[in-house]
Protein backbone atom coordinates (compact mmCIF):
# COMPACT_ATOMS: atom_id res chain seq x y z
CA MET A 1 31.30 -81.03 -25.88
CA LEU A 2 32.08 -83.02 -22.75
CA THR A 3 33.63 -86.45 -23.03
CA HIS A 4 31.94 -89.37 -21.30
CA SER A 5 34.51 -89.42 -18.47
CA ARG A 6 34.22 -85.63 -18.01
CA ARG A 7 30.40 -85.90 -17.80
CA ILE A 8 30.80 -88.57 -15.13
CA GLY A 9 33.22 -86.28 -13.23
CA VAL A 10 30.81 -83.33 -13.42
CA ALA A 11 27.91 -85.51 -12.28
CA ARG A 12 30.01 -86.83 -9.38
CA ASN A 13 30.93 -83.27 -8.33
CA ILE A 14 27.27 -82.26 -8.44
CA ARG A 15 26.32 -85.21 -6.21
CA VAL A 16 29.13 -84.40 -3.74
CA VAL A 17 28.12 -80.74 -3.51
CA ALA A 18 24.45 -81.63 -3.08
CA THR A 19 25.28 -84.21 -0.39
CA VAL A 20 27.57 -81.85 1.55
CA THR A 21 25.08 -79.00 1.27
CA LEU A 22 22.15 -81.14 2.38
CA ALA A 23 24.08 -82.66 5.31
CA LEU A 24 25.23 -79.25 6.45
CA SER A 25 21.77 -77.75 6.16
CA PHE A 26 20.46 -80.43 8.53
CA SER A 27 23.42 -79.86 10.85
CA LEU A 28 22.92 -76.10 10.86
CA ALA A 29 19.18 -76.40 11.37
CA CYS A 30 19.79 -78.52 14.47
CA SER A 31 22.42 -76.22 15.95
CA ALA A 32 21.53 -73.31 18.18
CA GLU A 33 20.85 -70.15 16.23
CA GLN A 34 23.60 -67.63 16.69
CA PRO A 35 23.19 -63.89 16.28
CA PRO A 36 25.01 -62.22 13.40
CA ALA A 37 28.63 -61.40 14.10
CA ALA A 38 29.34 -58.13 15.86
CA PRO A 39 30.98 -55.37 13.82
CA VAL A 40 34.73 -55.71 13.54
CA ALA A 41 37.43 -53.14 14.11
CA ALA A 42 37.43 -49.96 12.01
CA GLY A 43 38.70 -50.54 8.49
CA ASN A 44 37.31 -54.09 8.42
CA ALA A 45 33.62 -53.25 8.69
CA ALA A 46 31.07 -55.58 7.15
CA PRO A 47 29.33 -54.41 3.98
CA ALA A 48 26.24 -52.25 4.51
CA GLY A 49 22.78 -53.65 3.83
CA PRO A 50 21.40 -57.16 3.86
CA PRO A 51 23.43 -60.01 2.34
CA LEU A 52 22.67 -60.96 -1.26
CA THR A 53 20.36 -63.88 -2.03
CA VAL A 54 21.11 -66.82 -4.33
CA GLU A 55 18.83 -65.21 -6.92
CA GLN A 56 20.54 -61.80 -6.67
CA LEU A 57 24.01 -63.31 -7.04
CA ALA A 58 22.86 -65.45 -9.98
CA GLU A 59 21.25 -62.46 -11.68
CA LYS A 60 24.57 -60.58 -11.52
CA VAL A 61 26.13 -63.28 -13.73
CA GLY A 62 23.15 -63.88 -16.00
CA CYS A 63 21.77 -67.08 -14.52
CA LYS A 64 18.39 -68.25 -13.25
CA PRO A 65 19.32 -70.72 -10.48
CA THR A 66 17.69 -74.06 -9.87
CA ILE A 67 17.29 -74.12 -6.08
CA GLN A 68 18.56 -77.41 -4.65
CA VAL A 69 18.55 -76.61 -0.93
CA ASP A 70 16.11 -74.20 0.67
CA ALA A 71 16.67 -74.51 4.41
CA VAL A 72 16.48 -71.98 7.23
CA ASP A 73 20.26 -71.47 7.47
CA ILE A 74 21.44 -72.21 3.90
CA ARG A 75 20.17 -71.91 0.36
CA THR A 76 21.93 -73.40 -2.65
CA GLY A 77 21.20 -72.96 -6.32
CA ALA A 78 22.76 -74.61 -9.35
CA CYS A 79 23.57 -72.41 -12.31
CA LYS A 80 24.77 -72.91 -15.86
CA THR A 81 25.92 -70.08 -18.09
CA ALA A 82 28.18 -69.85 -21.13
CA THR A 83 31.01 -69.63 -18.59
CA GLY A 84 30.16 -73.06 -17.13
CA ARG A 85 28.35 -74.80 -14.26
CA PHE A 86 28.55 -73.67 -10.65
CA PHE A 87 26.71 -73.66 -7.32
CA ILE A 88 25.81 -70.58 -5.29
CA SER A 89 25.20 -70.99 -1.55
CA THR A 90 24.05 -68.27 0.83
CA PHE A 91 24.08 -68.41 4.62
CA VAL A 92 22.22 -66.68 7.45
CA THR A 93 25.23 -66.47 9.77
CA GLN A 94 29.01 -66.34 9.44
CA SER A 95 29.31 -69.40 11.69
CA GLY A 96 26.99 -71.29 9.34
CA LYS A 97 29.17 -70.34 6.37
CA ASP A 98 32.31 -71.35 8.30
CA GLN A 99 30.81 -74.75 9.18
CA TRP A 100 29.88 -75.37 5.55
CA MET A 101 33.31 -74.38 4.32
CA ASP A 102 35.05 -76.59 6.89
CA GLN A 103 33.29 -79.59 5.33
CA ALA A 104 33.29 -78.47 1.69
CA PRO A 105 35.11 -80.59 -0.87
CA GLU A 106 38.75 -79.51 -0.77
CA TYR A 107 39.43 -80.45 -4.37
CA ASN A 108 37.13 -77.71 -5.68
CA PRO A 109 38.00 -74.04 -5.44
CA HIS A 110 35.49 -71.60 -3.95
CA LEU A 111 34.72 -67.97 -4.54
CA VAL A 112 33.85 -66.52 -1.15
CA GLY A 113 31.99 -63.34 -0.26
CA ASP A 114 29.90 -61.93 2.57
CA LEU A 115 27.67 -64.85 3.66
CA TRP A 116 27.94 -66.56 0.26
CA THR A 117 30.13 -69.01 -1.61
CA VAL A 118 30.30 -70.15 -5.21
CA LEU A 119 31.65 -73.62 -5.98
CA GLY A 120 32.88 -74.45 -9.46
CA ALA A 121 35.86 -75.03 -11.69
CA ARG A 122 38.72 -72.57 -11.35
CA LYS A 123 38.19 -71.18 -14.87
CA VAL A 124 34.51 -70.55 -14.10
CA LEU A 125 35.28 -68.86 -10.78
CA ASP A 126 37.89 -66.60 -12.38
CA GLU A 127 35.20 -65.36 -14.81
CA LEU A 128 32.48 -65.03 -12.13
CA ARG A 129 34.79 -63.11 -9.82
CA GLN A 130 34.80 -60.21 -12.29
CA GLU A 131 31.05 -59.73 -11.67
CA LEU A 132 30.68 -60.95 -8.07
CA GLY A 133 33.94 -59.94 -6.43
CA GLY A 134 34.91 -62.09 -3.46
CA ASP A 135 38.06 -64.00 -2.59
CA LEU A 136 39.26 -67.13 -4.33
CA HIS A 137 39.96 -70.03 -1.95
CA LEU A 138 41.92 -72.81 -3.61
CA THR A 139 42.79 -75.31 -0.87
CA ASP A 140 42.20 -74.24 2.72
CA HIS A 141 38.72 -72.76 2.68
CA ARG A 142 39.40 -70.49 5.64
CA VAL A 143 42.39 -68.76 4.06
CA SER A 144 42.13 -66.71 0.88
CA SER A 145 44.74 -67.50 -1.73
CA THR A 146 43.86 -64.32 -3.61
CA PRO A 147 46.99 -62.16 -3.68
CA ALA A 148 46.81 -59.06 -1.50
CA PRO A 149 46.78 -55.73 -3.34
CA PRO A 150 50.15 -53.95 -3.45
CA ALA A 151 50.82 -51.65 -0.50
CA GLY A 152 50.76 -47.89 -0.88
């Protein structure tokens, strides 16, 4: 059971995420639409097929999301499972995801995948990562802090 101060902290985090997501969705909607990124060098190719939706990502972890933002360039859903509360955001373009991450709250870790992010407590993200994959970003959202696999 959450203490009163913890409930206030969770509610504050929810408001911050919703505010950042809403502000960025307006910003992205007003910016010029950019085509998807070109394929990268061999060995770093983007995953095949269309990017996953909020609903598809949520289904992988046993959640039915409550959609909070449904804009052209970004969709965000709130989820709650036995693991905890978290937010799933999906993006149309890599530049849209980068813009969102540049303004995301730095005090919350993110799980980051192809055109999606999950925002939540570290413990929650560690559990979700087993089902979703992705890289864990702890402080600088543009640099993964997930250790690299051992060479060879």
